[in-house]
């Protein structure tokens, strides 16, 4: 088990593998968040801009600042949203390059389990939002089997293949999320479970998609043909495949939100 192998450096591959999932759950997340129009947003770990685009399309923001550690992902986001009310820069979630009280909404979409010190990341969110502002996040339920490609990971492990995990996977638990937000001095903390599903046209489309995954794609592409065939056979038996051959996968995410009403004091 290792964390270093999970790298996000292919914006198009990420879009097919995870960007579509991010927008599916992001729709439910934004409906729950119910933000006002005309706000300044900070999208922490914006990746290729999948969630940033959703905010621009659904929330009528004044502006969205996106930040991410991957230059390749940021380049994709800039092209994707060229001419829109958004700007992107490389930055660290644990040291946000923003002054205190700089934004109205700070979000971490599918990011908090990648932050080495989640408490520090949430404290930074609380610092940069204005009084009355919102700090929120959503993350796959990693411990509860909610990851979109859980079946793939399970079958890989059953065949003795290593599956890298994010460094802070426990931060995706609802109880941990709530505690992190409360410790950061945020108030009115609330959580929600969100379930979404995605249908692939066929198994070949599903397999092509997972080959582009940042965590296991390279490993899968390097499999000897015989080993790949065994894994594919196990997946065909495991996945929900319709009579027409369509593959439907279900994923579950946890979300949290809180507001900053007063000066933030660490607890």
C-alpha atoms as a PDB file:
ATOM      1  CA  UNK A   1       0.000   0.000   0.000  1.00  0.00           C
ATOM      2  CA  UNK A   2       1.472   3.322  -1.051  1.00  0.00           C
ATOM      3  CA  UNK A   3       0.281   6.860  -1.540  1.00  0.00           C
ATOM      4  CA  UNK A   4       2.955   8.282  -3.806  1.00  0.00           C
ATOM      5  CA  UNK A   5       1.640   6.448  -6.876  1.00  0.00           C
ATOM      6  CA  UNK A   6      -1.578   8.480  -7.009  1.00  0.00           C
ATOM      7  CA  UNK A   7      -0.693  11.301  -9.386  1.00  0.00           C
ATOM      8  CA  UNK A   8      -3.039  13.571 -11.298  1.00  0.00           C
ATOM      9  CA  UNK A   9      -1.219  14.686 -14.423  1.00  0.00           C
ATOM     10  CA  UNK A  10      -3.627  13.893 -17.267  1.00  0.00           C
ATOM     11  CA  UNK A  11      -6.586  16.257 -17.452  1.00  0.00           C
ATOM     12  CA  UNK A  12      -8.426  14.362 -20.199  1.00  0.00           C
ATOM     13  CA  UNK A  13      -7.851  10.977 -18.599  1.00  0.00           C
ATOM     14  CA  UNK A  14      -9.013  12.354 -15.256  1.00  0.00           C
ATOM     15  CA  UNK A  15     -12.129  13.771 -16.908  1.00  0.00           C
ATOM     16  CA  UNK A  16     -13.164  10.347 -18.169  1.00  0.00           C
ATOM     17  CA  UNK A  17     -12.167   8.492 -15.012  1.00  0.00           C
ATOM     18  CA  UNK A  18     -13.237  10.865 -12.225  1.00  0.00           C
ATOM     19  CA  UNK A  19     -14.351  14.251 -13.609  1.00  0.00           C
ATOM     20  CA  UNK A  20     -17.740  12.882 -14.642  1.00  0.00           C
ATOM     21  CA  UNK A  21     -18.207  11.330 -11.210  1.00  0.00           C
ATOM     22  CA  UNK A  22     -17.212  14.596  -9.543  1.00  0.00           C
ATOM     23  CA  UNK A  23     -19.898  16.484 -11.445  1.00  0.00           C
ATOM     24  CA  UNK A  24     -22.544  13.852 -10.710  1.00  0.00           C
ATOM     25  CA  UNK A  25     -22.042  14.114  -6.967  1.00  0.00           C
ATOM     26  CA  UNK A  26     -21.250  17.823  -7.272  1.00  0.00           C
ATOM     27  CA  UNK A  27     -24.784  18.459  -8.524  1.00  0.00           C
ATOM     28  CA  UNK A  28     -26.249  16.950  -5.352  1.00  0.00           C
ATOM     29  CA  UNK A  29     -23.658  18.769  -3.232  1.00  0.00           C
ATOM     30  CA  UNK A  30     -24.498  22.194  -4.678  1.00  0.00           C
ATOM     31  CA  UNK A  31     -28.222  21.579  -4.296  1.00  0.00           C
ATOM     32  CA  UNK A  32     -27.617  20.834  -0.608  1.00  0.00           C
ATOM     33  CA  UNK A  33     -25.269  23.788  -0.184  1.00  0.00           C
ATOM     34  CA  UNK A  34     -27.818  26.149  -1.780  1.00  0.00           C
ATOM     35  CA  UNK A  35     -25.418  29.124  -2.069  1.00  0.00           C
ATOM     36  CA  UNK A  36     -26.515  32.634  -3.006  1.00  0.00           C
ATOM     37  CA  UNK A  37     -25.500  34.115  -6.342  1.00  0.00           C
ATOM     38  CA  UNK A  38     -22.731  36.655  -6.723  1.00  0.00           C
ATOM     39  CA  UNK A  39     -20.287  35.067  -4.285  1.00  0.00           C
ATOM     40  CA  UNK A  40     -16.513  34.672  -4.561  1.00  0.00           C
ATOM     41  CA  UNK A  41     -15.532  31.007  -4.513  1.00  0.00           C
ATOM     42  CA  UNK A  42     -12.305  29.159  -3.824  1.00  0.00           C
ATOM     43  CA  UNK A  43     -12.081  25.668  -5.326  1.00  0.00           C
ATOM     44  CA  UNK A  44      -9.263  23.901  -3.462  1.00  0.00           C
ATOM     45  CA  UNK A  45      -7.835  20.981  -5.401  1.00  0.00           C
ATOM     46  CA  UNK A  46      -9.700  22.061  -8.524  1.00  0.00           C
ATOM     47  CA  UNK A  47      -7.948  19.497 -10.709  1.00  0.00           C
ATOM     48  CA  UNK A  48      -9.009  19.793 -14.336  1.00  0.00           C
ATOM     49  CA  UNK A  49     -11.826  22.215 -13.519  1.00  0.00           C
ATOM     50  CA  UNK A  50     -14.724  19.724 -13.484  1.00  0.00           C
ATOM     51  CA  UNK A  51     -16.282  21.085 -10.294  1.00  0.00           C
ATOM     52  CA  UNK A  52     -15.261  24.671 -11.076  1.00  0.00           C
ATOM     53  CA  UNK A  53     -17.284  24.430 -14.280  1.00  0.00           C
ATOM     54  CA  UNK A  54     -20.273  23.166 -12.298  1.00  0.00           C
ATOM     55  CA  UNK A  55     -20.078  26.155  -9.935  1.00  0.00           C
ATOM     56  CA  UNK A  56     -19.914  28.565 -12.873  1.00  0.00           C
ATOM     57  CA  UNK A  57     -22.864  26.900 -14.588  1.00  0.00           C
ATOM     58  CA  UNK A  58     -25.094  26.465 -11.528  1.00  0.00           C
ATOM     59  CA  UNK A  59     -24.264  29.135  -8.942  1.00  0.00           C
ATOM     60  CA  UNK A  60     -23.763  32.431 -10.805  1.00  0.00           C
ATOM     61  CA  UNK A  61     -20.603  33.261  -8.811  1.00  0.00           C
ATOM     62  CA  UNK A  62     -18.866  36.610  -8.984  1.00  0.00           C
ATOM     63  CA  UNK A  63     -15.588  34.745  -9.514  1.00  0.00           C
ATOM     64  CA  UNK A  64     -13.984  31.363  -8.835  1.00  0.00           C
ATOM     65  CA  UNK A  65     -10.352  30.913  -7.872  1.00  0.00           C
ATOM     66  CA  UNK A  66      -9.101  27.392  -8.527  1.00  0.00           C
ATOM     67  CA  UNK A  67      -5.912  25.960  -7.073  1.00  0.00           C
ATOM     68  CA  UNK A  68      -4.196  22.627  -7.451  1.00  0.00           C
ATOM     69  CA  UNK A  69      -0.678  21.141  -7.113  1.00  0.00           C
ATOM     70  CA  UNK A  70      -0.695  19.702 -10.667  1.00  0.00           C
ATOM     71  CA  UNK A  71       0.473  21.974 -13.484  1.00  0.00           C
ATOM     72  CA  UNK A  72      -0.969  19.559 -16.056  1.00  0.00           C
ATOM     73  CA  UNK A  73      -4.403  19.600 -14.464  1.00  0.00           C
ATOM     74  CA  UNK A  74      -4.324  23.387 -14.176  1.00  0.00           C
ATOM     75  CA  UNK A  75      -3.437  23.730 -17.854  1.00  0.00           C
ATOM     76  CA  UNK A  76      -6.479  21.620 -18.747  1.00  0.00           C
ATOM     77  CA  UNK A  77      -8.699  23.717 -16.448  1.00  0.00           C
ATOM     78  CA  UNK A  78      -7.514  26.976 -18.031  1.00  0.00           C
ATOM     79  CA  UNK A  79      -8.346  25.726 -21.519  1.00  0.00           C
ATOM     80  CA  UNK A  80     -11.645  24.274 -20.374  1.00  0.00           C
ATOM     81  CA  UNK A  81     -12.841  27.511 -18.805  1.00  0.00           C
ATOM     82  CA  UNK A  82     -11.103  30.087 -20.954  1.00  0.00           C
ATOM     83  CA  UNK A  83     -13.058  33.325 -20.947  1.00  0.00           C
ATOM     84  CA  UNK A  84     -15.096  32.392 -17.867  1.00  0.00           C
ATOM     85  CA  UNK A  85     -14.998  34.167 -14.488  1.00  0.00           C
ATOM     86  CA  UNK A  86     -12.270  31.911 -13.118  1.00  0.00           C
ATOM     87  CA  UNK A  87      -8.513  31.888 -12.582  1.00  0.00           C
ATOM     88  CA  UNK A  88      -6.192  29.032 -11.668  1.00  0.00           C
ATOM     89  CA  UNK A  89      -2.907  28.783  -9.833  1.00  0.00           C
ATOM     90  CA  UNK A  90      -0.630  26.174  -8.333  1.00  0.00           C
ATOM     91  CA  UNK A  91      -0.859  26.120  -4.539  1.00  0.00           C
ATOM     92  CA  UNK A  92      -0.907  23.950  -1.416  1.00  0.00           C
ATOM     93  CA  UNK A  93      -4.196  23.268   0.397  1.00  0.00           C
ATOM     94  CA  UNK A  94      -2.372  23.572   3.731  1.00  0.00           C
ATOM     95  CA  UNK A  95      -0.988  27.039   2.935  1.00  0.00           C
ATOM     96  CA  UNK A  96      -3.587  28.894   0.892  1.00  0.00           C
ATOM     97  CA  UNK A  97      -2.159  31.942  -0.925  1.00  0.00           C
ATOM     98  CA  UNK A  98      -5.054  34.151   0.148  1.00  0.00           C
ATOM     99  CA  UNK A  99      -5.450  36.805   2.811  1.00  0.00           C
ATOM    100  CA  UNK A 100      -7.843  36.389   5.728  1.00  0.00           C
ATOM    101  CA  UNK A 101     -11.510  37.042   4.842  1.00  0.00           C
ATOM    102  CA  UNK A 102     -10.799  36.806   1.100  1.00  0.00           C
ATOM    103  CA  UNK A 103     -13.656  34.618  -0.204  1.00  0.00           C
ATOM    104  CA  UNK A 104     -17.288  33.801   0.523  1.00  0.00           C
ATOM    105  CA  UNK A 105     -17.186  30.054  -0.151  1.00  0.00           C
ATOM    106  CA  UNK A 106     -14.252  27.643   0.134  1.00  0.00           C
ATOM    107  CA  UNK A 107     -14.764  24.084  -1.083  1.00  0.00           C
ATOM    108  CA  UNK A 108     -12.740  20.875  -1.303  1.00  0.00           C
ATOM    109  CA  UNK A 109     -14.361  18.596  -3.906  1.00  0.00           C
ATOM    110  CA  UNK A 110     -12.961  15.038  -3.628  1.00  0.00           C
ATOM    111  CA  UNK A 111      -9.811  16.459  -2.069  1.00  0.00           C
ATOM    112  CA  UNK A 112      -9.704  16.243   1.721  1.00  0.00           C
ATOM    113  CA  UNK A 113      -8.434  12.639   1.783  1.00  0.00           C
ATOM    114  CA  UNK A 114      -5.430  13.732  -0.285  1.00  0.00           C
ATOM    115  CA  UNK A 115      -4.425  16.504   2.135  1.00  0.00           C
ATOM    116  CA  UNK A 116      -1.586  15.179   4.353  1.00  0.00           C
ATOM    117  CA  UNK A 117      -2.853  17.197   7.343  1.00  0.00           C
ATOM    118  CA  UNK A 118      -6.634  17.575   6.924  1.00  0.00           C
ATOM    119  CA  UNK A 119      -7.015  19.648  10.115  1.00  0.00           C
ATOM    120  CA  UNK A 120      -4.579  22.202   8.795  1.00  0.00           C
ATOM    121  CA  UNK A 121      -6.373  22.285   5.460  1.00  0.00           C
ATOM    122  CA  UNK A 122      -9.747  22.923   7.079  1.00  0.00           C
ATOM    123  CA  UNK A 123      -8.229  25.595   9.332  1.00  0.00           C
ATOM    124  CA  UNK A 124      -6.952  27.327   6.204  1.00  0.00           C
ATOM    125  CA  UNK A 125     -10.433  27.222   4.694  1.00  0.00           C
ATOM    126  CA  UNK A 126     -11.864  28.789   7.841  1.00  0.00           C
ATOM    127  CA  UNK A 127      -9.199  31.483   7.766  1.00  0.00           C
ATOM    128  CA  UNK A 128      -9.810  32.668   4.215  1.00  0.00           C
ATOM    129  CA  UNK A 129     -13.620  32.804   4.277  1.00  0.00           C
ATOM    130  CA  UNK A 130     -15.350  35.975   5.349  1.00  0.00           C
ATOM    131  CA  UNK A 131     -17.627  36.124   8.414  1.00  0.00           C
ATOM    132  CA  UNK A 132     -20.821  34.422   7.305  1.00  0.00           C
ATOM    133  CA  UNK A 133     -18.918  32.473   4.667  1.00  0.00           C
ATOM    134  CA  UNK A 134     -19.180  28.760   3.963  1.00  0.00           C
ATOM    135  CA  UNK A 135     -16.495  26.065   4.161  1.00  0.00           C
ATOM    136  CA  UNK A 136     -17.596  22.768   2.638  1.00  0.00           C
ATOM    137  CA  UNK A 137     -16.318  19.534   1.156  1.00  0.00           C
ATOM    138  CA  UNK A 138     -17.379  16.211  -0.237  1.00  0.00           C
ATOM    139  CA  UNK A 139     -15.377  12.998  -0.443  1.00  0.00           C
ATOM    140  CA  UNK A 140     -15.982   9.399  -1.385  1.00  0.00           C
ATOM    141  CA  UNK A 141     -16.860   7.136   1.542  1.00  0.00           C
ATOM    142  CA  UNK A 142     -13.544   5.320   1.320  1.00  0.00           C
ATOM    143  CA  UNK A 143     -13.922   3.215   4.474  1.00  0.00           C
ATOM    144  CA  UNK A 144     -17.520   2.280   3.693  1.00  0.00           C
ATOM    145  CA  UNK A 145     -16.971   1.050   0.153  1.00  0.00           C
ATOM    146  CA  UNK A 146     -18.381   4.126  -1.561  1.00  0.00           C
ATOM    147  CA  UNK A 147     -15.539   4.673  -4.028  1.00  0.00           C
ATOM    148  CA  UNK A 148     -16.848   4.545  -7.635  1.00  0.00           C
ATOM    149  CA  UNK A 149     -14.335   1.869  -8.610  1.00  0.00           C
ATOM    150  CA  UNK A 150     -14.579  -0.165  -5.413  1.00  0.00           C
ATOM    151  CA  UNK A 151     -15.301  -3.375  -7.332  1.00  0.00           C
ATOM    152  CA  UNK A 152     -12.122  -2.944  -9.362  1.00  0.00           C
ATOM    153  CA  UNK A 153     -10.034  -2.342  -6.250  1.00  0.00           C
ATOM    154  CA  UNK A 154     -11.557  -5.337  -4.461  1.00  0.00           C
ATOM    155  CA  UNK A 155     -10.837  -7.685  -7.361  1.00  0.00           C
ATOM    156  CA  UNK A 156      -7.292  -6.368  -7.735  1.00  0.00           C
ATOM    157  CA  UNK A 157      -6.622  -7.064  -4.067  1.00  0.00           C
ATOM    158  CA  UNK A 158      -8.148 -10.528  -4.388  1.00  0.00           C
ATOM    159  CA  UNK A 159      -5.561 -11.244  -7.092  1.00  0.00           C
ATOM    160  CA  UNK A 160      -2.720  -9.952  -4.928  1.00  0.00           C
ATOM    161  CA  UNK A 161      -2.297  -6.660  -6.773  1.00  0.00           C
ATOM    162  CA  UNK A 162      -1.362  -3.576  -4.722  1.00  0.00           C
ATOM    163  CA  UNK A 163      -3.912  -0.760  -4.690  1.00  0.00           C
ATOM    164  CA  UNK A 164      -2.631   2.652  -3.612  1.00  0.00           C
ATOM    165  CA  UNK A 165      -4.811   4.640  -1.231  1.00  0.00           C
ATOM    166  CA  UNK A 166      -5.008   8.355  -0.432  1.00  0.00           C
ATOM    167  CA  UNK A 167      -2.908   9.374   2.574  1.00  0.00           C
ATOM    168  CA  UNK A 168      -5.801  10.628   4.725  1.00  0.00           C
ATOM    169  CA  UNK A 169      -8.645   8.301   3.805  1.00  0.00           C
ATOM    170  CA  UNK A 170     -10.092   8.471   7.334  1.00  0.00           C
ATOM    171  CA  UNK A 171     -10.943  12.128   6.663  1.00  0.00           C
ATOM    172  CA  UNK A 172     -13.786  10.920   4.428  1.00  0.00           C
ATOM    173  CA  UNK A 173     -15.708   9.554   7.432  1.00  0.00           C
ATOM    174  CA  UNK A 174     -18.693  11.629   8.497  1.00  0.00           C
ATOM    175  CA  UNK A 175     -17.682  11.707  12.162  1.00  0.00           C
ATOM    176  CA  UNK A 176     -14.156  12.819  11.291  1.00  0.00           C
ATOM    177  CA  UNK A 177     -15.437  15.478   8.907  1.00  0.00           C
ATOM    178  CA  UNK A 178     -17.744  16.890  11.559  1.00  0.00           C
ATOM    179  CA  UNK A 179     -14.932  16.976  14.118  1.00  0.00           C
ATOM    180  CA  UNK A 180     -12.538  18.687  11.693  1.00  0.00           C
ATOM    181  CA  UNK A 181     -15.063  21.429  10.934  1.00  0.00           C
ATOM    182  CA  UNK A 182     -15.920  21.973  14.584  1.00  0.00           C
ATOM    183  CA  UNK A 183     -12.256  22.072  15.628  1.00  0.00           C
ATOM    184  CA  UNK A 184     -11.675  24.767  13.010  1.00  0.00           C
ATOM    185  CA  UNK A 185     -14.201  26.962  14.808  1.00  0.00           C
ATOM    186  CA  UNK A 186     -16.912  26.637  12.175  1.00  0.00           C
ATOM    187  CA  UNK A 187     -20.539  26.726  13.287  1.00  0.00           C
ATOM    188  CA  UNK A 188     -23.797  25.198  12.173  1.00  0.00           C
ATOM    189  CA  UNK A 189     -21.853  22.161  10.989  1.00  0.00           C
ATOM    190  CA  UNK A 190     -23.980  19.720   9.024  1.00  0.00           C
ATOM    191  CA  UNK A 191     -23.220  16.519   7.097  1.00  0.00           C
ATOM    192  CA  UNK A 192     -24.940  14.516   4.398  1.00  0.00           C
ATOM    193  CA  UNK A 193     -24.616  11.202   2.571  1.00  0.00           C
ATOM    194  CA  UNK A 194     -25.034  11.400  -1.217  1.00  0.00           C
ATOM    195  CA  UNK A 195     -25.405   8.434  -3.578  1.00  0.00           C
ATOM    196  CA  UNK A 196     -24.974   8.692  -7.344  1.00  0.00           C
ATOM    197  CA  UNK A 197     -24.686   6.268 -10.231  1.00  0.00           C
ATOM    198  CA  UNK A 198     -23.059   6.264 -13.645  1.00  0.00           C
ATOM    199  CA  UNK A 199     -23.781   3.977 -16.567  1.00  0.00           C
ATOM    200  CA  UNK A 200     -21.090   2.999 -19.048  1.00  0.00           C
ATOM    201  CA  UNK A 201     -22.228   1.951 -22.574  1.00  0.00           C
ATOM    202  CA  UNK A 202     -20.468  -1.377 -22.187  1.00  0.00           C
ATOM    203  CA  UNK A 203     -17.710  -3.240 -20.376  1.00  0.00           C
ATOM    204  CA  UNK A 204     -15.096  -2.172 -22.912  1.00  0.00           C
ATOM    205  CA  UNK A 205     -15.921   1.470 -22.190  1.00  0.00           C
ATOM    206  CA  UNK A 206     -15.656   0.796 -18.444  1.00  0.00           C
ATOM    207  CA  UNK A 207     -12.291  -0.925 -18.903  1.00  0.00           C
ATOM    208  CA  UNK A 208     -10.922   1.833 -21.138  1.00  0.00           C
ATOM    209  CA  UNK A 209     -11.960   4.365 -18.495  1.00  0.00           C
ATOM    210  CA  UNK A 210     -10.211   2.617 -15.606  1.00  0.00           C
ATOM    211  CA  UNK A 211      -7.054   2.308 -17.695  1.00  0.00           C
ATOM    212  CA  UNK A 212      -6.881   6.112 -17.505  1.00  0.00           C
ATOM    213  CA  UNK A 213      -7.226   6.160 -13.705  1.00  0.00           C
ATOM    214  CA  UNK A 214      -4.430   8.003 -11.894  1.00  0.00           C
ATOM    215  CA  UNK A 215      -4.180   5.447  -9.099  1.00  0.00           C
ATOM    216  CA  UNK A 216      -4.114   2.134 -10.974  1.00  0.00           C
ATOM    217  CA  UNK A 217      -4.195   2.911 -14.712  1.00  0.00           C
ATOM    218  CA  UNK A 218      -0.486   2.443 -15.324  1.00  0.00           C
ATOM    219  CA  UNK A 219      -0.474  -0.774 -13.347  1.00  0.00           C
ATOM    220  CA  UNK A 220      -3.424  -2.154 -15.312  1.00  0.00           C
ATOM    221  CA  UNK A 221      -1.891  -1.206 -18.644  1.00  0.00           C
ATOM    222  CA  UNK A 222       1.277  -3.117 -17.695  1.00  0.00           C
ATOM    223  CA  UNK A 223      -0.529  -6.369 -16.837  1.00  0.00           C
ATOM    224  CA  UNK A 224       0.368  -9.434 -18.917  1.00  0.00           C
ATOM    225  CA  UNK A 225      -2.564 -10.304 -21.224  1.00  0.00           C
ATOM    226  CA  UNK A 226      -3.429 -13.407 -19.225  1.00  0.00           C
ATOM    227  CA  UNK A 227      -3.595 -11.535 -15.919  1.00  0.00           C
ATOM    228  CA  UNK A 228      -5.663  -8.771 -17.501  1.00  0.00           C
ATOM    229  CA  UNK A 229      -8.108 -11.357 -18.849  1.00  0.00           C
ATOM    230  CA  UNK A 230      -8.524 -12.922 -15.397  1.00  0.00           C
ATOM    231  CA  UNK A 231      -9.198  -9.552 -13.805  1.00  0.00           C
ATOM    232  CA  UNK A 232     -11.679  -8.632 -16.531  1.00  0.00           C
ATOM    233  CA  UNK A 233     -13.532 -11.934 -16.093  1.00  0.00           C
ATOM    234  CA  UNK A 234     -13.818 -11.351 -12.338  1.00  0.00           C
ATOM    235  CA  UNK A 235     -15.111  -7.826 -12.945  1.00  0.00           C
ATOM    236  CA  UNK A 236     -17.700  -9.006 -15.481  1.00  0.00           C
ATOM    237  CA  UNK A 237     -19.012 -11.409 -12.843  1.00  0.00           C
ATOM    238  CA  UNK A 238     -19.009  -8.710 -10.168  1.00  0.00           C
ATOM    239  CA  UNK A 239     -20.403  -5.630 -11.932  1.00  0.00           C
ATOM    240  CA  UNK A 240     -24.048  -4.820 -12.605  1.00  0.00           C
ATOM    241  CA  UNK A 241     -24.286  -5.456 -16.351  1.00  0.00           C
ATOM    242  CA  UNK A 242     -27.662  -5.161 -18.079  1.00  0.00           C
ATOM    243  CA  UNK A 243     -28.999  -7.473 -20.760  1.00  0.00           C
ATOM    244  CA  UNK A 244     -27.944  -4.818 -23.274  1.00  0.00           C
ATOM    245  CA  UNK A 245     -24.398  -4.876 -21.902  1.00  0.00           C
ATOM    246  CA  UNK A 246     -24.471  -1.524 -20.092  1.00  0.00           C
ATOM    247  CA  UNK A 247     -22.458  -1.294 -16.869  1.00  0.00           C
ATOM    248  CA  UNK A 248     -23.963   0.693 -13.997  1.00  0.00           C
ATOM    249  CA  UNK A 249     -21.787   1.648 -11.026  1.00  0.00           C
ATOM    250  CA  UNK A 250     -22.996   3.227  -7.793  1.00  0.00           C
ATOM    251  CA  UNK A 251     -20.898   5.505  -5.593  1.00  0.00           C
ATOM    252  CA  UNK A 252     -21.455   7.106  -2.207  1.00  0.00           C
ATOM    253  CA  UNK A 253     -19.971  10.358  -0.940  1.00  0.00           C
ATOM    254  CA  UNK A 254     -19.941  12.173   2.374  1.00  0.00           C
ATOM    255  CA  UNK A 255     -20.390  15.938   2.535  1.00  0.00           C
ATOM    256  CA  UNK A 256     -19.872  18.530   5.256  1.00  0.00           C
ATOM    257  CA  UNK A 257     -20.511  22.249   5.549  1.00  0.00           C
ATOM    258  CA  UNK A 258     -20.154  24.943   8.170  1.00  0.00           C
ATOM    259  CA  UNK A 259     -20.123  28.716   8.457  1.00  0.00           C
ATOM    260  CA  UNK A 260     -17.745  31.153  10.002  1.00  0.00           C
ATOM    261  CA  UNK A 261     -19.722  33.638  12.089  1.00  0.00           C
ATOM    262  CA  UNK A 262     -17.009  35.007  14.362  1.00  0.00           C
ATOM    263  CA  UNK A 263     -13.237  35.225  14.515  1.00  0.00           C
ATOM    264  CA  UNK A 264     -11.850  31.739  14.054  1.00  0.00           C
ATOM    265  CA  UNK A 265     -10.195  30.226  17.104  1.00  0.00           C
ATOM    266  CA  UNK A 266      -8.654  26.785  16.982  1.00  0.00           C
ATOM    267  CA  UNK A 267     -10.084  24.337  19.458  1.00  0.00           C
END
